[in-house]
Amino acid sequence: MNHLMKLNALLMLVLMFSGCMSLTQSEKNAVYELKAYGVHPCGVKIKDPAVAAWLNLLPGVGHFYLASGSEEKQLWGMAFFNLFTYPLSWFWGIPGAYSDAGVLNKKELVRFYQYEPVGQKRLQELRKKYRTVELGLSEIDYSDGRVRAS
């Protein structure tokens, strides 16, 4: 009985720390801004959602595929959780891997435009081209990362 309670506690702990990925509010705002400029967030495919879903037919492999080469640590937890709860993990693992791949691709798109010099230059060009009215929102000074009024 004590062993079963420990196992349940461990599974609950893993479940709490692993879960579907989501965008932060600033990432959502960046995606909305890029959409307004005509940049389609699904145009970036670092990881293919269909491949991730199909790979999750094998226990946790789809999330291992998403986690490899990614900075998103929760994907490793989800992969191991799916591995240990196989075959029940099919119910949440397959759609979860598909969804997580889409979110991962959006995160990579935002990272490109925020941190890569080529992306930063392209974003400045898009802002000059499409912004006709200054909204009074803060801009990020990329030289030191501080937010300053524009």
Protein backbone atom coordinates (compact mmCIF):
# COMPACT_ATOMS: atom_id res chain seq x y z
CA MET A 1 0.00 0.00 0.00
CA ASN A 2 2.81 2.42 0.91
CA HIS A 3 4.58 1.63 -2.38
CA LEU A 4 1.39 2.44 -4.33
CA MET A 5 1.03 5.80 -2.57
CA LYS A 6 4.64 6.70 -3.39
CA LEU A 7 4.10 5.75 -7.02
CA ASN A 8 0.93 7.88 -7.20
CA ALA A 9 2.72 10.82 -5.59
CA LEU A 10 5.57 10.51 -8.08
CA LEU A 11 3.17 10.38 -11.02
CA MET A 12 1.30 13.43 -9.74
CA LEU A 13 4.58 15.31 -9.33
CA VAL A 14 5.63 14.48 -12.88
CA LEU A 15 2.19 15.48 -14.16
CA MET A 16 2.38 18.83 -12.38
CA PHE A 17 5.82 19.70 -13.75
CA SER A 18 5.16 18.50 -17.26
CA GLY A 19 2.41 19.82 -19.38
CA CYS A 20 1.53 21.37 -22.63
CA MET A 21 3.62 24.29 -23.77
CA SER A 22 2.20 27.76 -23.99
CA LEU A 23 3.33 31.19 -25.08
CA THR A 24 4.05 33.91 -22.57
CA GLN A 25 2.07 37.12 -22.92
CA SER A 26 5.02 38.92 -24.52
CA GLU A 27 5.43 36.07 -27.02
CA LYS A 28 1.71 36.25 -27.84
CA ASN A 29 2.03 40.01 -28.39
CA ALA A 30 5.01 39.48 -30.67
CA VAL A 31 3.09 36.87 -32.69
CA TYR A 32 0.11 39.25 -33.02
CA GLU A 33 2.45 42.02 -34.17
CA LEU A 34 4.11 39.77 -36.74
CA LYS A 35 0.72 38.61 -38.01
CA ALA A 36 -0.27 42.26 -38.47
CA TYR A 37 2.82 42.72 -40.64
CA GLY A 38 1.89 39.71 -42.77
CA VAL A 39 4.36 37.27 -41.23
CA HIS A 40 2.55 33.96 -40.89
CA PRO A 41 3.58 32.13 -37.70
CA CYS A 42 3.00 28.73 -39.28
CA GLY A 43 5.59 29.54 -41.94
CA VAL A 44 8.37 28.48 -39.56
CA LYS A 45 8.60 24.74 -39.08
CA ILE A 46 11.42 23.89 -36.73
CA LYS A 47 9.47 20.78 -35.72
CA ASP A 48 6.67 19.33 -37.83
CA PRO A 49 3.40 18.91 -35.86
CA ALA A 50 2.29 15.91 -37.93
CA VAL A 51 5.60 14.12 -37.39
CA ALA A 52 5.44 14.80 -33.64
CA ALA A 53 1.90 13.41 -33.46
CA TRP A 54 2.74 10.27 -35.46
CA LEU A 55 5.88 9.65 -33.44
CA ASN A 56 3.84 9.73 -30.24
CA LEU A 57 2.20 6.47 -31.29
CA LEU A 58 5.35 5.09 -29.73
CA PRO A 59 5.46 5.97 -26.03
CA GLY A 60 6.78 9.50 -25.62
CA VAL A 61 8.82 9.53 -28.83
CA GLY A 62 6.95 12.53 -30.24
CA HIS A 63 7.85 14.65 -27.22
CA PHE A 64 11.45 13.37 -27.30
CA TYR A 65 11.52 14.57 -30.93
CA LEU A 66 10.24 18.00 -29.83
CA ALA A 67 12.62 18.23 -26.87
CA SER A 68 15.77 17.40 -28.82
CA GLY A 69 17.52 20.64 -29.73
CA SER A 70 14.94 22.73 -27.89
CA GLU A 71 15.34 25.00 -24.89
CA GLU A 72 11.93 23.91 -23.56
CA LYS A 73 12.75 21.62 -20.63
CA GLN A 74 9.13 20.68 -19.87
CA LEU A 75 9.06 18.64 -23.09
CA TRP A 76 11.50 16.16 -21.55
CA GLY A 77 9.18 15.74 -18.57
CA MET A 78 6.19 15.18 -20.82
CA ALA A 79 8.14 12.64 -22.88
CA PHE A 80 9.06 10.58 -19.82
CA PHE A 81 5.54 10.90 -18.42
CA ASN A 82 4.12 9.57 -21.70
CA LEU A 83 6.67 6.77 -21.65
CA PHE A 84 5.67 5.64 -18.16
CA THR A 85 1.91 5.93 -18.74
CA TYR A 86 1.85 4.09 -22.08
CA PRO A 87 -0.65 3.09 -23.63
CA LEU A 88 -2.95 5.53 -21.81
CA SER A 89 -0.68 8.37 -22.94
CA TRP A 90 -2.09 8.06 -26.46
CA PHE A 91 -5.18 9.99 -25.32
CA TRP A 92 -3.25 13.16 -24.43
CA GLY A 93 0.18 12.54 -25.96
CA ILE A 94 -0.76 12.53 -29.65
CA PRO A 95 -2.83 15.75 -29.67
CA GLY A 96 -0.45 17.30 -27.15
CA ALA A 97 2.59 16.68 -29.35
CA TYR A 98 0.80 18.20 -32.34
CA SER A 99 -0.15 21.29 -30.34
CA ASP A 100 3.26 21.60 -28.66
CA ALA A 101 5.02 21.52 -32.05
CA GLY A 102 2.92 24.49 -33.21
CA VAL A 103 3.73 26.43 -30.05
CA LEU A 104 7.43 25.55 -30.34
CA ASN A 105 7.46 26.86 -33.91
CA LYS A 106 5.87 30.15 -32.80
CA LYS A 107 8.44 30.49 -30.00
CA GLU A 108 11.24 30.00 -32.50
CA LEU A 109 9.71 32.62 -34.81
CA VAL A 110 9.58 35.14 -31.96
CA ARG A 111 13.17 34.30 -30.94
CA PHE A 112 14.34 34.88 -34.51
CA TYR A 113 12.80 38.35 -34.70
CA GLN A 114 13.87 39.34 -31.19
CA TYR A 115 17.42 37.98 -30.92
CA GLU A 116 18.88 37.25 -34.35
CA PRO A 117 20.48 40.29 -36.03
CA VAL A 118 18.88 39.43 -39.37
CA GLY A 119 15.48 39.09 -37.71
CA GLN A 120 15.88 42.34 -35.77
CA LYS A 121 16.73 44.19 -38.95
CA ARG A 122 13.75 42.66 -40.75
CA LEU A 123 11.44 43.58 -37.86
CA GLN A 124 12.63 47.19 -37.96
CA GLU A 125 11.95 47.25 -41.71
CA LEU A 126 8.45 45.82 -41.16
CA ARG A 127 7.73 48.39 -38.46
CA LYS A 128 8.83 51.25 -40.70
CA LYS A 129 6.72 49.91 -43.56
CA TYR A 130 3.49 49.15 -41.71
CA ARG A 131 3.33 51.50 -38.73
CA THR A 132 1.49 54.63 -39.78
CA VAL A 133 0.55 55.82 -36.29
CA GLU A 134 2.76 55.65 -33.21
CA LEU A 135 0.75 53.96 -30.47
CA GLY A 136 2.88 55.11 -27.57
CA LEU A 137 3.92 51.58 -26.70
CA SER A 138 7.36 50.88 -25.33
CA GLU A 139 10.05 49.48 -27.56
CA ILE A 140 12.93 47.26 -26.52
CA ASP A 141 16.41 48.71 -26.82
CA TYR A 142 18.27 45.66 -28.09
CA SER A 143 21.69 47.02 -27.10
CA ASP A 144 21.03 46.45 -23.40
CA GLY A 145 17.58 44.84 -23.28
CA ARG A 146 15.86 47.67 -21.39
CA VAL A 147 12.39 48.85 -22.24
CA ARG A 148 12.27 52.51 -23.21
CA ALA A 149 9.45 54.74 -24.34
CA SER A 150 9.50 55.26 -28.08
